[in-house]
């Protein structure tokens, strides 16, 4: 019987399906920093004391772009984690995956949701739904239920303090569905599902636009209308190794990725000012392509100019803080706020302060627990070589 050996001293087997990348993928935190920066710019652009020149669509629409960055990053990262499970254990450990995701997402989210609810009960803020078509405020309970069940992307009524949870709801729905697709259909068929999403979802958006009776906001929030952004990231991970030696892929992920990716994003979103149907069918898909090009460039070239910037300490620090920052920027970057706490620039400082408290008091203790879940080493057989190996924790 062959003796097990430490995988850390051996290259990955040739049959490995996960992207051949370090355990901590370079530039990911920096890309998260870029994503949350766009959200902060967009939300703060309409707050008190911000120069009027910033309160224009070029800046206020950046929040949607930043969220799409998050979706593509999430698709790439989660798929990589799931494929690593397949490589190491021969299967996706669903209980371990969902336990780790719960510890990563739930504590900080629940802390925020219940903190806002307490402020509402004490009369500090108003969480009652403000209908998109009416002026009369309704009950706050439906908003709380949507927040707690991560279905906020399926309510189009308005409650600012929970409003941003629509994107977290999309992420949670992705976490729920995608692992099951890979487990029960397999990686090959799962890849076809992701490819199908790229083709079908733009058509869904067009049909919703032409024949749907829901507000246009649904086209940028409902899971069936936005999941192609996540699928783009999934495919980036699924095809990463297979394209690693492809000349066109190598060429496009070098320096041209920055201008070409930026152009795709600009044109993809700019089409909306000319034709809404074209934006829903082609624009979003083009923007997704631009985002994945940028992501793959900085991942593959962490020592390039952009990679060095994204992997610098300030960008990594903001990226690590991005989840708590995304949760807690909302109360302070309120465009209708009239108090001192919602006025620029102290609103940004307060958002960072609240995020730091959330990260150190809530996130980090549960992150430490998450890292211990499923980390016990097991001996598995690499299918390409038949050599027993001990996977990394």
Protein backbone atom coordinates (compact mmCIF):
# COMPACT_ATOMS: atom_id res chain seq x y z
CA UNK A 1 0.00 0.00 0.00
CA UNK A 2 1.37 3.40 -0.96
CA UNK A 3 2.10 5.82 1.84
CA UNK A 4 0.17 9.13 2.00
CA UNK A 5 2.14 12.29 1.39
CA UNK A 6 1.46 15.93 1.98
CA UNK A 7 -0.22 17.57 -1.01
CA UNK A 8 1.35 20.90 -0.12
CA UNK A 9 4.66 19.65 -1.49
CA UNK A 10 3.16 18.15 -4.66
CA UNK A 11 1.55 19.74 -7.73
CA UNK A 12 -2.14 19.26 -8.31
CA UNK A 13 -3.07 16.10 -10.22
CA UNK A 14 -3.67 16.61 -13.93
CA UNK A 15 -7.34 15.72 -13.54
CA UNK A 16 -7.97 18.51 -11.01
CA UNK A 17 -11.15 20.39 -11.89
CA UNK A 18 -10.72 23.38 -9.59
CA UNK A 19 -8.76 26.34 -10.97
CA UNK A 20 -5.04 25.77 -10.47
CA UNK A 21 -4.66 28.70 -8.09
CA UNK A 22 -3.29 29.26 -4.58
CA UNK A 23 -5.54 28.47 -1.64
CA UNK A 24 -6.05 32.21 -1.14
CA UNK A 25 -6.82 33.48 -4.64
CA UNK A 26 -4.82 36.64 -5.41
CA UNK A 27 -6.58 39.92 -6.18
CA UNK A 28 -10.01 38.71 -4.99
CA UNK A 29 -10.00 40.98 -1.94
CA UNK A 30 -8.86 43.89 -4.09
CA UNK A 31 -11.69 43.28 -6.54
CA UNK A 32 -14.12 43.23 -3.63
CA UNK A 33 -12.69 46.61 -2.60
CA UNK A 34 -13.38 47.98 -6.09
CA UNK A 35 -16.91 46.58 -5.96
CA UNK A 36 -17.80 48.10 -2.60
CA UNK A 37 -16.16 51.39 -3.59
CA UNK A 38 -18.57 51.68 -6.53
CA UNK A 39 -21.51 51.03 -4.20
CA UNK A 40 -20.28 53.68 -1.76
CA UNK A 41 -19.80 56.25 -4.52
CA UNK A 42 -23.26 55.58 -5.92
CA UNK A 43 -25.04 55.75 -2.57
CA UNK A 44 -23.16 58.76 -1.25
CA UNK A 45 -23.53 60.74 -4.49
CA UNK A 46 -27.06 61.86 -3.55
CA UNK A 47 -26.51 62.53 0.16
CA UNK A 48 -26.27 65.90 1.88
CA UNK A 49 -23.27 68.18 1.19
CA UNK A 50 -21.99 66.15 -1.76
CA UNK A 51 -21.23 68.50 -4.70
CA UNK A 52 -24.11 68.46 -7.17
CA UNK A 53 -21.77 67.41 -9.98
CA UNK A 54 -21.68 63.90 -8.48
CA UNK A 55 -25.47 63.50 -8.37
CA UNK A 56 -25.69 62.37 -11.99
CA UNK A 57 -26.39 58.93 -13.55
CA UNK A 58 -22.72 58.30 -14.28
CA UNK A 59 -22.07 58.11 -10.53
CA UNK A 60 -25.44 57.06 -9.11
CA UNK A 61 -25.59 54.00 -11.42
CA UNK A 62 -22.21 52.71 -10.24
CA UNK A 63 -23.91 50.83 -7.42
CA UNK A 64 -25.51 48.44 -9.88
CA UNK A 65 -22.15 47.90 -11.58
CA UNK A 66 -20.49 47.20 -8.23
CA UNK A 67 -23.14 44.62 -7.36
CA UNK A 68 -22.55 42.84 -10.69
CA UNK A 69 -18.86 42.70 -9.82
CA UNK A 70 -19.84 41.01 -6.55
CA UNK A 71 -22.03 38.50 -8.41
CA UNK A 72 -19.29 37.51 -10.88
CA UNK A 73 -16.70 37.26 -8.09
CA UNK A 74 -19.09 35.13 -6.03
CA UNK A 75 -19.77 32.77 -8.92
CA UNK A 76 -16.04 32.29 -9.52
CA UNK A 77 -15.11 31.86 -5.86
CA UNK A 78 -17.95 29.55 -4.82
CA UNK A 79 -17.49 27.33 -7.86
CA UNK A 80 -13.77 27.12 -7.12
CA UNK A 81 -14.52 26.04 -3.53
CA UNK A 82 -16.99 23.40 -4.70
CA UNK A 83 -14.58 22.03 -7.32
CA UNK A 84 -11.82 21.86 -4.71
CA UNK A 85 -14.13 19.67 -2.66
CA UNK A 86 -14.56 17.38 -5.66
CA UNK A 87 -10.78 17.22 -6.17
CA UNK A 88 -10.01 16.48 -2.53
CA UNK A 89 -12.90 14.29 -1.44
CA UNK A 90 -14.34 13.00 -4.69
CA UNK A 91 -17.65 14.75 -3.92
CA UNK A 92 -19.17 18.02 -2.74
CA UNK A 93 -19.80 17.89 0.99
CA UNK A 94 -23.12 19.73 1.08
CA UNK A 95 -23.51 19.80 4.90
CA UNK A 96 -20.02 21.26 5.27
CA UNK A 97 -20.59 23.79 2.49
CA UNK A 98 -23.89 25.04 3.89
CA UNK A 99 -22.59 25.16 7.45
CA UNK A 100 -19.60 27.25 6.37
CA UNK A 101 -21.78 29.56 4.26
CA UNK A 102 -24.18 30.01 7.15
CA UNK A 103 -21.35 30.97 9.50
CA UNK A 104 -19.98 33.36 6.89
CA UNK A 105 -23.22 35.15 6.01
CA UNK A 106 -25.83 34.77 8.73
CA UNK A 107 -24.27 36.28 11.88
CA UNK A 108 -23.42 39.67 10.37
CA UNK A 109 -26.66 39.80 8.35
CA UNK A 110 -28.85 38.89 11.33
CA UNK A 111 -27.04 41.39 13.53
CA UNK A 112 -27.78 44.13 11.00
CA UNK A 113 -31.39 43.10 10.38
CA UNK A 114 -32.28 42.96 14.07
CA UNK A 115 -30.36 46.16 14.86
CA UNK A 116 -32.46 48.01 12.28
CA UNK A 117 -35.63 46.43 13.66
CA UNK A 118 -34.78 47.60 17.18
CA UNK A 119 -34.18 51.13 15.88
CA UNK A 120 -37.58 50.96 14.21
CA UNK A 121 -39.31 49.80 17.40
CA UNK A 122 -37.75 52.73 19.27
CA UNK A 123 -38.92 55.15 16.58
CA UNK A 124 -35.44 56.09 15.34
CA UNK A 125 -36.01 54.93 11.75
CA UNK A 126 -39.01 53.98 9.62
CA UNK A 127 -39.01 50.47 8.15
CA UNK A 128 -42.54 50.54 6.80
CA UNK A 129 -42.85 49.74 3.11
CA UNK A 130 -43.18 52.78 0.90
CA UNK A 131 -44.93 51.49 -2.21
CA UNK A 132 -43.29 52.32 -5.52
CA UNK A 133 -46.68 53.43 -6.84
CA UNK A 134 -48.27 54.92 -3.75
CA UNK A 135 -47.33 57.53 -1.16
CA UNK A 136 -48.90 55.87 1.87
CA UNK A 137 -46.53 53.81 4.00
CA UNK A 138 -47.60 50.26 4.79
CA UNK A 139 -46.58 47.74 7.46
CA UNK A 140 -42.92 47.04 8.27
CA UNK A 141 -43.50 43.33 8.94
CA UNK A 142 -43.40 42.17 5.29
CA UNK A 143 -40.01 43.81 4.86
CA UNK A 144 -38.67 42.05 7.94
CA UNK A 145 -39.95 38.69 6.69
CA UNK A 146 -38.35 39.21 3.28
CA UNK A 147 -35.09 40.20 4.96
CA UNK A 148 -35.06 37.17 7.27
CA UNK A 149 -35.89 34.74 4.46
CA UNK A 150 -33.49 36.32 1.94
CA UNK A 151 -36.22 36.98 -0.58
CA UNK A 152 -35.90 40.76 -0.61
CA UNK A 153 -35.14 40.71 -4.33
CA UNK A 154 -38.75 39.64 -4.87
CA UNK A 155 -40.32 42.61 -3.16
CA UNK A 156 -40.30 45.86 -5.10
CA UNK A 157 -41.83 48.00 -2.37
CA UNK A 158 -39.49 50.44 -0.77
CA UNK A 159 -37.77 50.36 2.63
CA UNK A 160 -34.32 51.92 2.42
CA UNK A 161 -32.70 50.32 5.45
CA UNK A 162 -33.37 46.81 4.14
CA UNK A 163 -33.35 47.76 0.47
CA UNK A 164 -29.78 46.62 -0.25
CA UNK A 165 -30.56 43.12 1.01
CA UNK A 166 -31.95 42.31 -2.45
CA UNK A 167 -28.42 41.53 -3.67
CA UNK A 168 -27.62 39.42 -0.62
CA UNK A 169 -30.85 37.54 -1.34
CA UNK A 170 -29.64 36.78 -4.88
CA UNK A 171 -26.37 35.48 -3.43
CA UNK A 172 -28.18 33.25 -0.93
CA UNK A 173 -30.44 31.84 -3.63
CA UNK A 174 -27.32 31.06 -5.66
CA UNK A 175 -25.71 29.33 -2.67
CA UNK A 176 -28.84 27.22 -2.27
CA UNK A 177 -29.24 26.16 -5.92
CA UNK A 178 -25.79 25.86 -7.50
CA UNK A 179 -24.26 23.18 -5.23
CA UNK A 180 -27.31 20.97 -5.81
CA UNK A 181 -26.91 21.42 -9.56
CA UNK A 182 -23.31 20.19 -9.39
CA UNK A 183 -24.10 17.36 -6.97
CA UNK A 184 -27.13 15.91 -8.76
CA UNK A 185 -26.23 16.71 -12.37
CA UNK A 186 -22.45 16.46 -12.14
CA UNK A 187 -19.84 18.97 -13.18
CA UNK A 188 -20.21 18.39 -16.93
CA UNK A 189 -23.99 18.85 -16.95
CA UNK A 190 -23.71 21.66 -14.42
CA UNK A 191 -21.43 23.45 -16.86
CA UNK A 192 -24.15 23.14 -19.50
CA UNK A 193 -26.66 24.63 -17.06
CA UNK A 194 -24.40 27.66 -16.52
CA UNK A 195 -23.89 28.04 -20.26
CA UNK A 196 -27.63 27.78 -20.73
CA UNK A 197 -28.14 30.61 -18.23
CA UNK A 198 -26.01 32.90 -20.39
CA UNK A 199 -28.34 32.23 -23.33
CA UNK A 200 -31.71 32.02 -21.59
CA UNK A 201 -31.56 34.80 -18.98
CA UNK A 202 -31.21 37.67 -21.50
CA UNK A 203 -34.34 36.35 -23.24
CA UNK A 204 -36.11 36.20 -19.86
CA UNK A 205 -35.22 39.84 -19.26
CA UNK A 206 -36.56 40.81 -22.67
CA UNK A 207 -39.83 38.93 -22.13
CA UNK A 208 -40.23 40.50 -18.68
CA UNK A 209 -39.66 43.92 -20.25
CA UNK A 210 -42.09 43.39 -23.14
CA UNK A 211 -44.86 41.38 -21.51
CA UNK A 212 -44.34 41.45 -17.74
CA UNK A 213 -46.62 43.46 -15.47
CA UNK A 214 -43.95 44.05 -12.82
CA UNK A 215 -41.98 47.31 -12.48
CA UNK A 216 -38.75 47.62 -14.44
CA UNK A 217 -36.82 47.28 -11.19
CA UNK A 218 -37.62 43.55 -11.26
CA UNK A 219 -35.36 43.12 -14.29
CA UNK A 220 -32.33 44.01 -12.22
CA UNK A 221 -33.32 42.18 -9.03
CA UNK A 222 -35.27 38.98 -9.66
CA UNK A 223 -32.99 35.95 -9.59
CA UNK A 224 -34.13 34.68 -12.98
CA UNK A 225 -33.22 38.06 -14.48
CA UNK A 226 -29.74 38.49 -12.97
CA UNK A 227 -28.32 35.02 -12.40
CA UNK A 228 -26.36 35.17 -15.66
CA UNK A 229 -23.93 37.49 -13.86
CA UNK A 230 -23.27 34.77 -11.28
CA UNK A 231 -23.17 32.11 -14.02
CA UNK A 232 -20.45 34.10 -15.79
CA UNK A 233 -18.24 33.77 -12.72
CA UNK A 234 -19.11 30.07 -12.40
CA UNK A 235 -18.00 29.43 -15.98
CA UNK A 236 -14.80 31.37 -15.38
CA UNK A 237 -13.91 28.80 -12.70
CA UNK A 238 -15.22 25.77 -14.61
CA UNK A 239 -13.17 26.53 -17.74
CA UNK A 240 -10.12 28.07 -16.05
CA UNK A 241 -7.81 25.07 -16.32
CA UNK A 242 -9.03 24.01 -19.74
CA UNK A 243 -8.32 27.46 -21.18
CA UNK A 244 -5.03 28.00 -19.38
CA UNK A 245 -3.00 27.03 -22.47
CA UNK A 246 -5.37 28.49 -25.05
CA UNK A 247 -3.57 31.23 -26.99
CA UNK A 248 -6.60 33.47 -27.34
CA UNK A 249 -7.48 33.12 -23.65
CA UNK A 250 -3.89 33.85 -22.62
CA UNK A 251 -3.76 36.90 -24.90
CA UNK A 252 -7.10 38.33 -23.75
CA UNK A 253 -6.27 37.91 -20.07
CA UNK A 254 -3.03 39.87 -20.37
CA UNK A 255 -2.92 43.67 -20.53
CA UNK A 256 -5.70 43.99 -23.18
CA UNK A 257 -8.14 42.71 -20.56
CA UNK A 258 -8.17 46.09 -18.81
CA UNK A 259 -9.12 48.35 -21.75
CA UNK A 260 -11.28 45.68 -23.42
CA UNK A 261 -13.03 44.76 -20.18
CA UNK A 262 -13.60 48.39 -19.29
CA UNK A 263 -14.99 49.06 -22.77
CA UNK A 264 -17.38 46.10 -22.52
CA UNK A 265 -18.67 47.35 -19.17
CA UNK A 266 -19.06 50.94 -20.37
CA UNK A 267 -20.84 49.96 -23.59
CA UNK A 268 -22.92 47.30 -21.83
CA UNK A 269 -24.37 49.78 -19.38
CA UNK A 270 -24.31 52.74 -21.78
CA UNK A 271 -26.69 50.96 -24.16
CA UNK A 272 -29.44 51.52 -21.59
CA UNK A 273 -29.44 55.25 -22.43
CA UNK A 274 -30.21 54.38 -26.07
CA UNK A 275 -32.39 51.26 -25.95
CA UNK A 276 -33.72 49.50 -22.88
CA UNK A 277 -34.51 46.23 -24.72
CA UNK A 278 -30.98 46.14 -26.16
CA UNK A 279 -29.57 46.75 -22.70
CA UNK A 280 -31.51 43.84 -21.23
CA UNK A 281 -30.62 41.43 -24.02
CA UNK A 282 -27.07 42.40 -24.98
CA UNK A 283 -25.91 45.11 -22.60
CA UNK A 284 -25.82 43.13 -19.37
CA UNK A 285 -24.21 40.14 -21.08
CA UNK A 286 -21.52 42.39 -22.53
CA UNK A 287 -20.91 43.97 -19.13
CA UNK A 288 -20.61 40.52 -17.53
CA UNK A 289 -18.00 39.60 -20.14
CA UNK A 290 -16.03 42.73 -19.31
CA UNK A 291 -16.14 42.00 -15.57
CA UNK A 292 -14.90 38.41 -15.95
CA UNK A 293 -12.11 39.62 -18.26
CA UNK A 294 -10.92 42.05 -15.59
CA UNK A 295 -11.24 39.42 -12.86
CA UNK A 296 -9.27 36.79 -14.76
CA UNK A 297 -6.57 39.31 -15.64
CA UNK A 298 -5.86 40.36 -12.07
CA UNK A 299 -6.06 36.75 -10.85
CA UNK A 300 -3.66 35.47 -13.49
CA UNK A 301 -1.29 38.45 -13.23
CA UNK A 302 -1.13 39.42 -9.54
CA UNK A 303 2.27 41.05 -10.06
CA UNK A 304 1.13 43.27 -12.91
CA UNK A 305 0.31 46.93 -12.34
CA UNK A 306 -3.37 46.34 -11.59
CA UNK A 307 -2.60 43.22 -9.58
CA UNK A 308 -0.05 45.02 -7.41
CA UNK A 309 -2.58 47.75 -6.65
CA UNK A 310 -5.37 45.29 -5.82
CA UNK A 311 -3.08 43.18 -3.61
CA UNK A 312 -1.76 46.18 -1.71
CA UNK A 313 -2.62 46.42 1.98
CA UNK A 314 -5.25 49.20 1.72
CA UNK A 315 -7.20 47.38 -1.00
CA UNK A 316 -6.99 44.03 0.77
CA UNK A 317 -8.14 45.62 4.02
CA UNK A 318 -11.18 47.23 2.38
CA UNK A 319 -11.93 43.99 0.56
CA UNK A 320 -11.89 42.01 3.79
CA UNK A 321 -14.24 44.60 5.31
CA UNK A 322 -16.49 44.72 2.22
CA UNK A 323 -19.28 42.48 3.54
CA UNK A 324 -19.80 44.38 6.79
CA UNK A 325 -19.32 47.64 4.90
CA UNK A 326 -21.98 46.64 2.39
CA UNK A 327 -24.41 45.88 5.21
CA UNK A 328 -23.79 48.98 7.29
CA UNK A 329 -23.33 51.72 4.67
CA UNK A 330 -27.08 51.81 4.03
CA UNK A 331 -28.27 53.68 7.17
CA UNK A 332 -25.64 56.39 6.71
CA UNK A 333 -25.74 56.82 2.92
CA UNK A 334 -29.46 57.61 2.82
CA UNK A 335 -30.28 60.05 0.03
CA UNK A 336 -33.34 61.30 1.93
CA UNK A 337 -31.52 61.62 5.23
CA UNK A 338 -31.55 65.06 6.83
CA UNK A 339 -29.50 64.50 9.99
CA UNK A 340 -25.82 64.95 10.74
CA UNK A 341 -25.08 61.22 10.47
CA UNK A 342 -26.31 61.04 6.87
CA UNK A 343 -24.39 64.08 5.62
CA UNK A 344 -21.14 63.85 3.68
CA UNK A 345 -18.32 63.26 4.59
CA UNK A 346 -19.05 62.02 8.11
CA UNK A 347 -21.59 59.53 6.75
CA UNK A 348 -18.75 57.62 5.05
CA UNK A 349 -16.66 57.72 8.22
CA UNK A 350 -19.59 56.41 10.28
CA UNK A 351 -20.25 53.65 7.73
CA UNK A 352 -16.64 52.48 8.05
CA UNK A 353 -16.82 52.68 11.86
CA UNK A 354 -19.99 50.58 11.97
CA UNK A 355 -18.46 48.07 9.53
CA UNK A 356 -15.35 47.73 11.67
CA UNK A 357 -17.48 47.03 14.73
CA UNK A 358 -19.47 44.44 12.80
CA UNK A 359 -16.34 42.78 11.46
CA UNK A 360 -14.44 42.50 14.73
CA UNK A 361 -17.37 41.83 17.06
CA UNK A 362 -19.51 39.59 14.84
CA UNK A 363 -17.76 38.38 11.70
CA UNK A 364 -14.33 37.38 12.98
CA UNK A 365 -15.44 35.05 15.81
CA UNK A 366 -17.71 33.15 13.41
CA UNK A 367 -15.09 33.18 10.65
CA UNK A 368 -12.70 31.44 13.02
CA UNK A 369 -15.34 28.79 13.68
CA UNK A 370 -16.08 28.48 9.96
CA UNK A 371 -12.43 27.81 9.18
CA UNK A 372 -12.45 24.85 11.56
CA UNK A 373 -15.52 23.27 9.94
CA UNK A 374 -14.58 20.56 7.51
CA UNK A 375 -10.88 21.31 7.88
CA UNK A 376 -9.90 17.86 9.16
CA UNK A 377 -7.48 16.22 6.73
CA UNK A 378 -8.57 13.15 4.86
CA UNK A 379 -6.69 10.82 2.55
CA UNK A 380 -8.15 10.67 -0.95
CA UNK A 381 -7.05 9.14 -4.21
CA UNK A 382 -6.22 11.54 -7.03
CA UNK A 383 -8.02 10.07 -10.05
CA UNK A 384 -5.28 10.93 -12.53
CA UNK A 385 -2.41 9.21 -10.79
CA UNK A 386 -3.97 6.78 -8.34
CA UNK A 387 -1.63 8.19 -5.67
CA UNK A 388 -3.06 8.72 -2.23
CA UNK A 389 -2.74 12.29 -1.07
CA UNK A 390 -3.66 14.40 1.93
CA UNK A 391 -5.59 17.47 0.80
CA UNK A 392 -5.00 20.89 2.21
CA UNK A 393 -7.25 22.02 5.04
